[in-house]
Amino acid sequence: MSNVLDNPGTVTRADLAEALYLEIGLSRTDSSQLVESLIDHVSQALEKGEHVKLAGFGTFSLRDKKERIGRNPKTGEEVPITKRRVLVFKPSQVLRERVDSSLSPK
């Protein structure tokens, strides 16, 4: 990727749009619209309860968690945790290997 994403910290929508602008040559407006469109499509699919699978990157899915009893760590008091739906991301093997290789000494 370009130097835009080489900066440690958080990658923002603006960073992704800037990378598209620099690497592909789209205008800044088109780059920003493309990033927003992608995020909208992923969000809409998840809202419908669909899985979103990006080959070589990973899968976003929803998981239902049951109601359960939790414990307040300060007081030890038991509190009910309501059932809820959570977003889960499972990275692909390709992404895992890239991250692992970037952490190993060269």
PDB file of N, CA and C in Angstrom:
ATOM      1  N   MET A   1       0.837  -1.174   0.000  1.00  0.00           N
ATOM      2  CA  MET A   1       0.000   0.000   0.000  1.00  0.00           C
ATOM      3  C   MET A   1       0.885   1.241   0.000  1.00  0.00           C
ATOM      4  N   SER A   2       0.241   2.343  -0.127  1.00  0.00           N
ATOM      5  CA  SER A   2       0.983   3.595  -0.160  1.00  0.00           C
ATOM      6  C   SER A   2       1.401   4.025   1.239  1.00  0.00           C
ATOM      7  N   ASN A   3       2.109   5.132   1.288  1.00  0.00           N
ATOM      8  CA  ASN A   3       2.548   5.674   2.566  1.00  0.00           C
ATOM      9  C   ASN A   3       1.386   6.122   3.443  1.00  0.00           C
ATOM     10  N   VAL A   4       0.209   6.336   2.846  1.00  0.00           N
ATOM     11  CA  VAL A   4      -0.958   6.767   3.609  1.00  0.00           C
ATOM     12  C   VAL A   4      -1.277   5.753   4.692  1.00  0.00           C
ATOM     13  N   LEU A   5      -1.154   4.464   4.377  1.00  0.00           N
ATOM     14  CA  LEU A   5      -1.517   3.418   5.324  1.00  0.00           C
ATOM     15  C   LEU A   5      -0.322   2.894   6.110  1.00  0.00           C
ATOM     16  N   ASP A   6       0.877   3.423   5.853  1.00  0.00           N
ATOM     17  CA  ASP A   6       2.064   2.960   6.574  1.00  0.00           C
ATOM     18  C   ASP A   6       2.184   3.604   7.951  1.00  0.00           C
ATOM     19  N   ASN A   7       1.404   4.627   8.207  1.00  0.00           N
ATOM     20  CA  ASN A   7       1.452   5.330   9.481  1.00  0.00           C
ATOM     21  C   ASN A   7       0.799   4.465  10.561  1.00  0.00           C
ATOM     22  N   PRO A   8       1.484   4.182  11.667  1.00  0.00           N
ATOM     23  CA  PRO A   8       0.880   3.363  12.711  1.00  0.00           C
ATOM     24  C   PRO A   8      -0.284   4.098  13.360  1.00  0.00           C
ATOM     25  N   GLY A   9      -1.257   3.350  13.825  1.00  0.00           N
ATOM     26  CA  GLY A   9      -2.418   3.954  14.469  1.00  0.00           C
ATOM     27  C   GLY A   9      -3.679   3.429  13.837  1.00  0.00           C
ATOM     28  N   THR A  10      -4.615   4.308  13.600  1.00  0.00           N
ATOM     29  CA  THR A  10      -5.922   3.942  13.073  1.00  0.00           C
ATOM     30  C   THR A  10      -6.027   4.308  11.603  1.00  0.00           C
ATOM     31  N   VAL A  11      -6.566   3.391  10.800  1.00  0.00           N
ATOM     32  CA  VAL A  11      -6.833   3.669   9.392  1.00  0.00           C
ATOM     33  C   VAL A  11      -8.271   4.169   9.295  1.00  0.00           C
ATOM     34  N   THR A  12      -8.453   5.344   8.724  1.00  0.00           N
ATOM     35  CA  THR A  12      -9.776   5.950   8.621  1.00  0.00           C
ATOM     36  C   THR A  12     -10.325   5.835   7.197  1.00  0.00           C
ATOM     37  N   ARG A  13     -11.579   6.206   7.043  1.00  0.00           N
ATOM     38  CA  ARG A  13     -12.189   6.248   5.706  1.00  0.00           C
ATOM     39  C   ARG A  13     -11.394   7.185   4.809  1.00  0.00           C
ATOM     40  N   ALA A  14     -10.982   8.306   5.358  1.00  0.00           N
ATOM     41  CA  ALA A  14     -10.203   9.277   4.580  1.00  0.00           C
ATOM     42  C   ALA A  14      -8.875   8.662   4.123  1.00  0.00           C
ATOM     43  N   ASP A  15      -8.248   7.854   4.976  1.00  0.00           N
ATOM     44  CA  ASP A  15      -6.998   7.182   4.602  1.00  0.00           C
ATOM     45  C   ASP A  15      -7.229   6.223   3.439  1.00  0.00           C
ATOM     46  N   LEU A  16      -8.319   5.473   3.513  1.00  0.00           N
ATOM     47  CA  LEU A  16      -8.625   4.525   2.433  1.00  0.00           C
ATOM     48  C   LEU A  16      -8.906   5.263   1.125  1.00  0.00           C
ATOM     49  N   ALA A  17      -9.664   6.355   1.198  1.00  0.00           N
ATOM     50  CA  ALA A  17      -9.966   7.142   0.000  1.00  0.00           C
ATOM     51  C   ALA A  17      -8.685   7.738  -0.581  1.00  0.00           C
ATOM     52  N   GLU A  18      -7.801   8.218   0.291  1.00  0.00           N
ATOM     53  CA  GLU A  18      -6.529   8.791  -0.173  1.00  0.00           C
ATOM     54  C   GLU A  18      -5.667   7.714  -0.852  1.00  0.00           C
ATOM     55  N   ALA A  19      -5.684   6.505  -0.320  1.00  0.00           N
ATOM     56  CA  ALA A  19      -4.926   5.411  -0.927  1.00  0.00           C
ATOM     57  C   ALA A  19      -5.467   5.095  -2.317  1.00  0.00           C
ATOM     58  N   LEU A  20      -6.785   5.096  -2.476  1.00  0.00           N
ATOM     59  CA  LEU A  20      -7.378   4.869  -3.798  1.00  0.00           C
ATOM     60  C   LEU A  20      -6.981   5.985  -4.757  1.00  0.00           C
ATOM     61  N   TYR A  21      -7.008   7.208  -4.269  1.00  0.00           N
ATOM     62  CA  TYR A  21      -6.613   8.350  -5.089  1.00  0.00           C
ATOM     63  C   TYR A  21      -5.173   8.211  -5.567  1.00  0.00           C
ATOM     64  N   LEU A  22      -4.268   7.857  -4.663  1.00  0.00           N
ATOM     65  CA  LEU A  22      -2.849   7.776  -5.009  1.00  0.00           C
ATOM     66  C   LEU A  22      -2.507   6.555  -5.852  1.00  0.00           C
ATOM     67  N   GLU A  23      -3.097   5.415  -5.547  1.00  0.00           N
ATOM     68  CA  GLU A  23      -2.701   4.171  -6.200  1.00  0.00           C
ATOM     69  C   GLU A  23      -3.459   3.867  -7.476  1.00  0.00           C
ATOM     70  N   ILE A  24      -4.720   4.245  -7.541  1.00  0.00           N
ATOM     71  CA  ILE A  24      -5.524   3.892  -8.709  1.00  0.00           C
ATOM     72  C   ILE A  24      -5.712   5.093  -9.627  1.00  0.00           C
ATOM     73  N   GLY A  25      -5.650   6.274  -9.045  1.00  0.00           N
ATOM     74  CA  GLY A  25      -5.777   7.476  -9.855  1.00  0.00           C
ATOM     75  C   GLY A  25      -7.200   7.999  -9.944  1.00  0.00           C
ATOM     76  N   LEU A  26      -8.105   7.453  -9.115  1.00  0.00           N
ATOM     77  CA  LEU A  26      -9.450   8.016  -9.076  1.00  0.00           C
ATOM     78  C   LEU A  26      -9.364   9.417  -8.486  1.00  0.00           C
ATOM     79  N   SER A  27     -10.348  10.245  -8.817  1.00  0.00           N
ATOM     80  CA  SER A  27     -10.367  11.566  -8.192  1.00  0.00           C
ATOM     81  C   SER A  27     -10.628  11.390  -6.696  1.00  0.00           C
ATOM     82  N   ARG A  28     -10.315  12.412  -5.931  1.00  0.00           N
ATOM     83  CA  ARG A  28     -10.550  12.323  -4.482  1.00  0.00           C
ATOM     84  C   ARG A  28     -12.033  12.123  -4.191  1.00  0.00           C
ATOM     85  N   THR A  29     -12.895  12.796  -4.965  1.00  0.00           N
ATOM     86  CA  THR A  29     -14.342  12.657  -4.776  1.00  0.00           C
ATOM     87  C   THR A  29     -14.783  11.236  -5.086  1.00  0.00           C
ATOM     88  N   ASP A  30     -14.341  10.694  -6.213  1.00  0.00           N
ATOM     89  CA  ASP A  30     -14.712   9.331  -6.590  1.00  0.00           C
ATOM     90  C   ASP A  30     -14.170   8.309  -5.589  1.00  0.00           C
ATOM     91  N   SER A  31     -12.957   8.540  -5.119  1.00  0.00           N
ATOM     92  CA  SER A  31     -12.358   7.640  -4.131  1.00  0.00           C
ATOM     93  C   SER A  31     -13.184   7.621  -2.855  1.00  0.00           C
ATOM     94  N   SER A  32     -13.566   8.785  -2.388  1.00  0.00           N
ATOM     95  CA  SER A  32     -14.370   8.896  -1.173  1.00  0.00           C
ATOM     96  C   SER A  32     -15.731   8.234  -1.366  1.00  0.00           C
ATOM     97  N   GLN A  33     -16.356   8.453  -2.519  1.00  0.00           N
ATOM     98  CA  GLN A  33     -17.657   7.850  -2.805  1.00  0.00           C
ATOM     99  C   GLN A  33     -17.553   6.328  -2.881  1.00  0.00           C
ATOM    100  N   LEU A  34     -16.471   5.819  -3.433  1.00  0.00           N
ATOM    101  CA  LEU A  34     -16.269   4.370  -3.525  1.00  0.00           C
ATOM    102  C   LEU A  34     -16.141   3.753  -2.132  1.00  0.00           C
ATOM    103  N   VAL A  35     -15.365   4.378  -1.260  1.00  0.00           N
ATOM    104  CA  VAL A  35     -15.211   3.877   0.110  1.00  0.00           C
ATOM    105  C   VAL A  35     -16.562   3.898   0.822  1.00  0.00           C
ATOM    106  N   GLU A  36     -17.304   4.993   0.708  1.00  0.00           N
ATOM    107  CA  GLU A  36     -18.619   5.100   1.353  1.00  0.00           C
ATOM    108  C   GLU A  36     -19.587   4.061   0.801  1.00  0.00           C
ATOM    109  N   SER A  37     -19.565   3.844  -0.498  1.00  0.00           N
ATOM    110  CA  SER A  37     -20.448   2.859  -1.126  1.00  0.00           C
ATOM    111  C   SER A  37     -20.142   1.446  -0.622  1.00  0.00           C
ATOM    112  N   LEU A  38     -18.873   1.119  -0.525  1.00  0.00           N
ATOM    113  CA  LEU A  38     -18.468  -0.198  -0.027  1.00  0.00           C
ATOM    114  C   LEU A  38     -18.948  -0.406   1.405  1.00  0.00           C
ATOM    115  N   ILE A  39     -18.732   0.596   2.250  1.00  0.00           N
ATOM    116  CA  ILE A  39     -19.156   0.499   3.649  1.00  0.00           C
ATOM    117  C   ILE A  39     -20.679   0.380   3.738  1.00  0.00           C
ATOM    118  N   ASP A  40     -21.393   1.136   2.907  1.00  0.00           N
ATOM    119  CA  ASP A  40     -22.858   1.053   2.897  1.00  0.00           C
ATOM    120  C   ASP A  40     -23.335  -0.336   2.495  1.00  0.00           C
ATOM    121  N   HIS A  41     -22.726  -0.925   1.462  1.00  0.00           N
ATOM    122  CA  HIS A  41     -23.127  -2.264   1.013  1.00  0.00           C
ATOM    123  C   HIS A  41     -22.888  -3.307   2.103  1.00  0.00           C
ATOM    124  N   VAL A  42     -21.738  -3.239   2.746  1.00  0.00           N
ATOM    125  CA  VAL A  42     -21.426  -4.184   3.821  1.00  0.00           C
ATOM    126  C   VAL A  42     -22.414  -4.006   4.974  1.00  0.00           C
ATOM    127  N   SER A  43     -22.675  -2.765   5.361  1.00  0.00           N
ATOM    128  CA  SER A  43     -23.597  -2.483   6.467  1.00  0.00           C
ATOM    129  C   SER A  43     -25.010  -2.975   6.159  1.00  0.00           C
ATOM    130  N   GLN A  44     -25.481  -2.713   4.954  1.00  0.00           N
ATOM    131  CA  GLN A  44     -26.828  -3.132   4.571  1.00  0.00           C
ATOM    132  C   GLN A  44     -26.955  -4.657   4.578  1.00  0.00           C
ATOM    133  N   ALA A  45     -25.953  -5.344   4.096  1.00  0.00           N
ATOM    134  CA  ALA A  45     -25.986  -6.806   4.087  1.00  0.00           C
ATOM    135  C   ALA A  45     -26.030  -7.344   5.520  1.00  0.00           C
ATOM    136  N   LEU A  46     -25.237  -6.765   6.406  1.00  0.00           N
ATOM    137  CA  LEU A  46     -25.233  -7.208   7.802  1.00  0.00           C
ATOM    138  C   LEU A  46     -26.563  -6.900   8.484  1.00  0.00           C
ATOM    139  N   GLU A  47     -27.169  -5.751   8.172  1.00  0.00           N
ATOM    140  CA  GLU A  47     -28.472  -5.404   8.731  1.00  0.00           C
ATOM    141  C   GLU A  47     -29.539  -6.426   8.331  1.00  0.00           C
ATOM    142  N   LYS A  48     -29.397  -7.005   7.139  1.00  0.00           N
ATOM    143  CA  LYS A  48     -30.334  -8.029   6.661  1.00  0.00           C
ATOM    144  C   LYS A  48     -30.028  -9.403   7.251  1.00  0.00           C
ATOM    145  N   GLY A  49     -28.938  -9.507   8.004  1.00  0.00           N
ATOM    146  CA  GLY A  49     -28.562 -10.776   8.604  1.00  0.00           C
ATOM    147  C   GLY A  49     -27.704 -11.646   7.702  1.00  0.00           C
ATOM    148  N   GLU A  50     -27.188 -11.080   6.628  1.00  0.00           N
ATOM    149  CA  GLU A  50     -26.356 -11.830   5.690  1.00  0.00           C
ATOM    150  C   GLU A  50     -24.901 -11.843   6.156  1.00  0.00           C
ATOM    151  N   HIS A  51     -24.162 -12.856   5.717  1.00  0.00           N
ATOM    152  CA  HIS A  51     -22.721 -12.900   5.937  1.00  0.00           C
ATOM    153  C   HIS A  51     -22.064 -12.090   4.828  1.00  0.00           C
ATOM    154  N   VAL A  52     -20.963 -11.423   5.150  1.00  0.00           N
ATOM    155  CA  VAL A  52     -20.199 -10.691   4.148  1.00  0.00           C
ATOM    156  C   VAL A  52     -18.823 -11.324   4.092  1.00  0.00           C
ATOM    157  N   LYS A  53     -18.526 -11.948   2.956  1.00  0.00           N
ATOM    158  CA  LYS A  53     -17.253 -12.645   2.795  1.00  0.00           C
ATOM    159  C   LYS A  53     -16.418 -11.917   1.746  1.00  0.00           C
ATOM    160  N   LEU A  54     -15.243 -11.455   2.166  1.00  0.00           N
ATOM    161  CA  LEU A  54     -14.307 -10.791   1.268  1.00  0.00           C
ATOM    162  C   LEU A  54     -13.107 -11.720   1.102  1.00  0.00           C
ATOM    163  N   ALA A  55     -13.012 -12.345  -0.057  1.00  0.00           N
ATOM    164  CA  ALA A  55     -11.964 -13.333  -0.311  1.00  0.00           C
ATOM    165  C   ALA A  55     -10.595 -12.727  -0.045  1.00  0.00           C
ATOM    166  N   GLY A  56      -9.766 -13.466   0.685  1.00  0.00           N
ATOM    167  CA  GLY A  56      -8.424 -13.011   1.006  1.00  0.00           C
ATOM    168  C   GLY A  56      -8.376 -12.027   2.160  1.00  0.00           C
ATOM    169  N   PHE A  57      -9.545 -11.665   2.690  1.00  0.00           N
ATOM    170  CA  PHE A  57      -9.594 -10.726   3.808  1.00  0.00           C
ATOM    171  C   PHE A  57     -10.271 -11.349   5.023  1.00  0.00           C
ATOM    172  N   GLY A  58     -11.549 -11.736   4.865  1.00  0.00           N
ATOM    173  CA  GLY A  58     -12.239 -12.363   5.982  1.00  0.00           C
ATOM    174  C   GLY A  58     -13.745 -12.310   5.821  1.00  0.00           C
ATOM    175  N   THR A  59     -14.447 -12.761   6.864  1.00  0.00           N
ATOM    176  CA  THR A  59     -15.902 -12.839   6.846  1.00  0.00           C
ATOM    177  C   THR A  59     -16.481 -12.088   8.033  1.00  0.00           C
ATOM    178  N   PHE A  60     -17.454 -11.230   7.747  1.00  0.00           N
ATOM    179  CA  PHE A  60     -18.224 -10.547   8.775  1.00  0.00           C
ATOM    180  C   PHE A  60     -19.542 -11.290   8.915  1.00  0.00           C
ATOM    181  N   SER A  61     -19.955 -11.577  10.139  1.00  0.00           N
ATOM    182  CA  SER A  61     -21.234 -12.243  10.351  1.00  0.00           C
ATOM    183  C   SER A  61     -21.821 -11.798  11.682  1.00  0.00           C
ATOM    184  N   LEU A  62     -23.090 -12.123  11.874  1.00  0.00           N
ATOM    185  CA  LEU A  62     -23.774 -11.795  13.119  1.00  0.00           C
ATOM    186  C   LEU A  62     -23.952 -13.066  13.919  1.00  0.00           C
ATOM    187  N   ARG A  63     -23.832 -12.944  15.223  1.00  0.00           N
ATOM    188  CA  ARG A  63     -24.015 -14.087  16.109  1.00  0.00           C
ATOM    189  C   ARG A  63     -24.960 -13.662  17.225  1.00  0.00           C
ATOM    190  N   ASP A  64     -25.933 -14.512  17.527  1.00  0.00           N
ATOM    191  CA  ASP A  64     -26.853 -14.239  18.626  1.00  0.00           C
ATOM    192  C   ASP A  64     -26.270 -14.802  19.910  1.00  0.00           C
ATOM    193  N   LYS A  65     -26.236 -13.983  20.938  1.00  0.00           N
ATOM    194  CA  LYS A  65     -25.762 -14.419  22.248  1.00  0.00           C
ATOM    195  C   LYS A  65     -26.965 -14.538  23.169  1.00  0.00           C
ATOM    196  N   LYS A  66     -26.990 -15.593  23.944  1.00  0.00           N
ATOM    197  CA  LYS A  66     -28.102 -15.844  24.850  1.00  0.00           C
ATOM    198  C   LYS A  66     -28.013 -14.942  26.074  1.00  0.00           C
ATOM    199  N   GLU A  67     -29.147 -14.814  26.765  1.00  0.00           N
ATOM    200  CA  GLU A  67     -29.146 -14.102  28.033  1.00  0.00           C
ATOM    201  C   GLU A  67     -28.358 -14.932  29.034  1.00  0.00           C
ATOM    202  N   ARG A  68     -27.614 -14.235  29.889  1.00  0.00           N
ATOM    203  CA  ARG A  68     -26.807 -14.953  30.870  1.00  0.00           C
ATOM    204  C   ARG A  68     -26.606 -14.085  32.108  1.00  0.00           C
ATOM    205  N   ILE A  69     -26.061 -14.701  33.116  1.00  0.00           N
ATOM    206  CA  ILE A  69     -25.765 -13.987  34.354  1.00  0.00           C
ATOM    207  C   ILE A  69     -24.291 -13.592  34.344  1.00  0.00           C
ATOM    208  N   GLY A  70     -24.036 -12.317  34.588  1.00  0.00           N
ATOM    209  CA  GLY A  70     -22.671 -11.821  34.679  1.00  0.00           C
ATOM    210  C   GLY A  70     -22.392 -11.390  36.110  1.00  0.00           C
ATOM    211  N   ARG A  71     -21.209 -10.909  36.333  1.00  0.00           N
ATOM    212  CA  ARG A  71     -20.837 -10.501  37.683  1.00  0.00           C
ATOM    213  C   ARG A  71     -20.119  -9.149  37.605  1.00  0.00           C
ATOM    214  N   ASN A  72     -20.541  -8.225  38.447  1.00  0.00           N
ATOM    215  CA  ASN A  72     -19.875  -6.933  38.549  1.00  0.00           C
ATOM    216  C   ASN A  72     -18.517  -7.182  39.212  1.00  0.00           C
ATOM    217  N   PRO A  73     -17.400  -6.902  38.523  1.00  0.00           N
ATOM    218  CA  PRO A  73     -16.091  -7.225  39.082  1.00  0.00           C
ATOM    219  C   PRO A  73     -15.759  -6.449  40.363  1.00  0.00           C
ATOM    220  N   LYS A  74     -16.327  -5.253  40.534  1.00  0.00           N
ATOM    221  CA  LYS A  74     -16.035  -4.459  41.738  1.00  0.00           C
ATOM    222  C   LYS A  74     -16.770  -5.000  42.961  1.00  0.00           C
ATOM    223  N   THR A  75     -18.066  -5.276  42.776  1.00  0.00           N
ATOM    224  CA  THR A  75     -18.883  -5.643  43.937  1.00  0.00           C
ATOM    225  C   THR A  75     -19.117  -7.129  44.062  1.00  0.00           C
ATOM    226  N   GLY A  76     -18.912  -7.867  42.952  1.00  0.00           N
ATOM    227  CA  GLY A  76     -19.200  -9.298  42.969  1.00  0.00           C
ATOM    228  C   GLY A  76     -20.683  -9.587  42.792  1.00  0.00           C
ATOM    229  N   GLU A  77     -21.482  -8.548  42.653  1.00  0.00           N
ATOM    230  CA  GLU A  77     -22.925  -8.713  42.502  1.00  0.00           C
ATOM    231  C   GLU A  77     -23.252  -9.329  41.145  1.00  0.00           C
ATOM    232  N   GLU A  78     -24.182 -10.290  41.143  1.00  0.00           N
ATOM    233  CA  GLU A  78     -24.630 -10.900  39.890  1.00  0.00           C
ATOM    234  C   GLU A  78     -25.613  -9.967  39.201  1.00  0.00           C
ATOM    235  N   VAL A  79     -25.419  -9.812  37.888  1.00  0.00           N
ATOM    236  CA  VAL A  79     -26.317  -8.974  37.090  1.00  0.00           C
ATOM    237  C   VAL A  79     -26.683  -9.717  35.820  1.00  0.00           C
ATOM    238  N   PRO A  80     -27.946  -9.590  35.387  1.00  0.00           N
ATOM    239  CA  PRO A  80     -28.332 -10.255  34.148  1.00  0.00           C
ATOM    240  C   PRO A  80     -27.785  -9.496  32.932  1.00  0.00           C
ATOM    241  N   ILE A  81     -27.297 -10.246  31.954  1.00  0.00           N
ATOM    242  CA  ILE A  81     -26.851  -9.674  30.687  1.00  0.00           C
ATOM    243  C   ILE A  81     -27.870 -10.116  29.657  1.00  0.00           C
ATOM    244  N   THR A  82     -28.535  -9.155  29.035  1.00  0.00           N
ATOM    245  CA  THR A  82     -29.620  -9.474  28.109  1.00  0.00           C
ATOM    246  C   THR A  82     -29.081 -10.125  26.837  1.00  0.00           C
ATOM    247  N   LYS A  83     -29.958 -10.867  26.163  1.00  0.00           N
ATOM    248  CA  LYS A  83     -29.545 -11.469  24.898  1.00  0.00           C
ATOM    249  C   LYS A  83     -29.318 -10.351  23.897  1.00  0.00           C
ATOM    250  N   ARG A  84     -28.417 -10.599  22.987  1.00  0.00           N
ATOM    251  CA  ARG A  84     -28.089  -9.573  22.002  1.00  0.00           C
ATOM    252  C   ARG A  84     -27.463 -10.214  20.767  1.00  0.00           C
ATOM    253  N   ARG A  85     -27.367  -9.408  19.755  1.00  0.00           N
ATOM    254  CA  ARG A  85     -26.731  -9.834  18.506  1.00  0.00           C
ATOM    255  C   ARG A  85     -25.413  -9.082  18.395  1.00  0.00           C
ATOM    256  N   VAL A  86     -24.341  -9.810  18.112  1.00  0.00           N
ATOM    257  CA  VAL A  86     -23.013  -9.195  18.020  1.00  0.00           C
ATOM    258  C   VAL A  86     -22.418  -9.425  16.635  1.00  0.00           C
ATOM    259  N   LEU A  87     -21.599  -8.487  16.223  1.00  0.00           N
ATOM    260  CA  LEU A  87     -20.896  -8.579  14.950  1.00  0.00           C
ATOM    261  C   LEU A  87     -19.589  -9.315  15.184  1.00  0.00           C
ATOM    262  N   VAL A  88     -19.311 -10.295  14.322  1.00  0.00           N
ATOM    263  CA  VAL A  88     -18.109 -11.109  14.459  1.00  0.00           C
ATOM    264  C   VAL A  88     -17.310 -11.010  13.156  1.00  0.00           C
ATOM    265  N   PHE A  89     -16.001 -10.868  13.277  1.00  0.00           N
ATOM    266  CA  PHE A  89     -15.125 -10.881  12.110  1.00  0.00           C
ATOM    267  C   PHE A  89     -14.164 -12.046  12.240  1.00  0.00           C
ATOM    268  N   LYS A  90     -14.107 -12.864  11.192  1.00  0.00           N
ATOM    269  CA  LYS A  90     -13.156 -13.971  11.171  1.00  0.00           C
ATOM    270  C   LYS A  90     -12.195 -13.725  10.008  1.00  0.00           C
ATOM    271  N   PRO A  91     -10.926 -13.457  10.309  1.00  0.00           N
ATOM    272  CA  PRO A  91      -9.969 -13.184   9.239  1.00  0.00           C
ATOM    273  C   PRO A  91      -9.687 -14.433   8.404  1.00  0.00           C
ATOM    274  N   SER A  92      -9.400 -14.215   7.132  1.00  0.00           N
ATOM    275  CA  SER A  92      -9.051 -15.335   6.256  1.00  0.00           C
ATOM    276  C   SER A  92      -7.643 -15.822   6.597  1.00  0.00           C
ATOM    277  N   GLN A  93      -7.322 -16.998   6.127  1.00  0.00           N
ATOM    278  CA  GLN A  93      -5.981 -17.553   6.348  1.00  0.00           C
ATOM    279  C   GLN A  93      -4.921 -16.664   5.689  1.00  0.00           C
ATOM    280  N   VAL A  94      -5.250 -16.117   4.527  1.00  0.00           N
ATOM    281  CA  VAL A  94      -4.320 -15.229   3.817  1.00  0.00           C
ATOM    282  C   VAL A  94      -4.004 -14.005   4.679  1.00  0.00           C
ATOM    283  N   LEU A  95      -5.022 -13.388   5.264  1.00  0.00           N
ATOM    284  CA  LEU A  95      -4.810 -12.217   6.115  1.00  0.00           C
ATOM    285  C   LEU A  95      -4.016 -12.586   7.363  1.00  0.00           C
ATOM    286  N   ARG A  96      -4.356 -13.716   7.961  1.00  0.00           N
ATOM    287  CA  ARG A  96      -3.610 -14.156   9.147  1.00  0.00           C
ATOM    288  C   ARG A  96      -2.128 -14.324   8.833  1.00  0.00           C
ATOM    289  N   GLU A  97      -1.838 -14.966   7.705  1.00  0.00           N
ATOM    290  CA  GLU A  97      -0.442 -15.195   7.330  1.00  0.00           C
ATOM    291  C   GLU A  97       0.292 -13.883   7.068  1.00  0.00           C
ATOM    292  N   ARG A  98      -0.393 -12.911   6.425  1.00  0.00           N
ATOM    293  CA  ARG A  98       0.236 -11.616   6.157  1.00  0.00           C
ATOM    294  C   ARG A  98       0.553 -10.892   7.456  1.00  0.00           C
ATOM    295  N   VAL A  99      -0.385 -10.925   8.399  1.00  0.00           N
ATOM    296  CA  VAL A  99      -0.161 -10.260   9.682  1.00  0.00           C
ATOM    297  C   VAL A  99       0.945 -10.963  10.451  1.00  0.00           C
ATOM    298  N   ASP A 100       0.902 -12.294  10.476  1.00  0.00           N
ATOM    299  CA  ASP A 100       1.940 -13.055  11.184  1.00  0.00           C
ATOM    300  C   ASP A 100       3.318 -12.780  10.591  1.00  0.00           C
ATOM    301  N   SER A 101       3.409 -12.759   9.267  1.00  0.00           N
ATOM    302  CA  SER A 101       4.718 -12.566   8.624  1.00  0.00           C
ATOM    303  C   SER A 101       5.234 -11.144   8.854  1.00  0.00           C
ATOM    304  N   SER A 102       4.318 -10.185   9.003  1.00  0.00           N
ATOM    305  CA  SER A 102       4.762  -8.811   9.245  1.00  0.00           C
ATOM    306  C   SER A 102       5.291  -8.626  10.662  1.00  0.00           C
ATOM    307  N   LEU A 103       4.919  -9.538  11.564  1.00  0.00           N
ATOM    308  CA  LEU A 103       5.377  -9.451  12.943  1.00  0.00           C
ATOM    309  C   LEU A 103       6.673 -10.203  13.190  1.00  0.00           C
ATOM    310  N   SER A 104       6.994 -11.155  12.294  1.00  0.00           N
ATOM    311  CA  SER A 104       8.210 -11.938  12.521  1.00  0.00           C
ATOM    312  C   SER A 104       9.433 -11.154  12.064  1.00  0.00           C
ATOM    313  N   PRO A 105      10.542 -11.326  12.786  1.00  0.00           N
ATOM    314  CA  PRO A 105      11.769 -10.601  12.427  1.00  0.00           C
ATOM    315  C   PRO A 105      12.261 -11.008  11.033  1.00  0.00           C
ATOM    316  N   LYS A 106      12.821 -10.023  10.335  1.00  0.00           N
ATOM    317  CA  LYS A 106      13.273 -10.282   8.954  1.00  0.00           C
ATOM    318  C   LYS A 106      14.774 -10.339   8.879  1.00  0.00           C
TER     319      LYS A 106
END
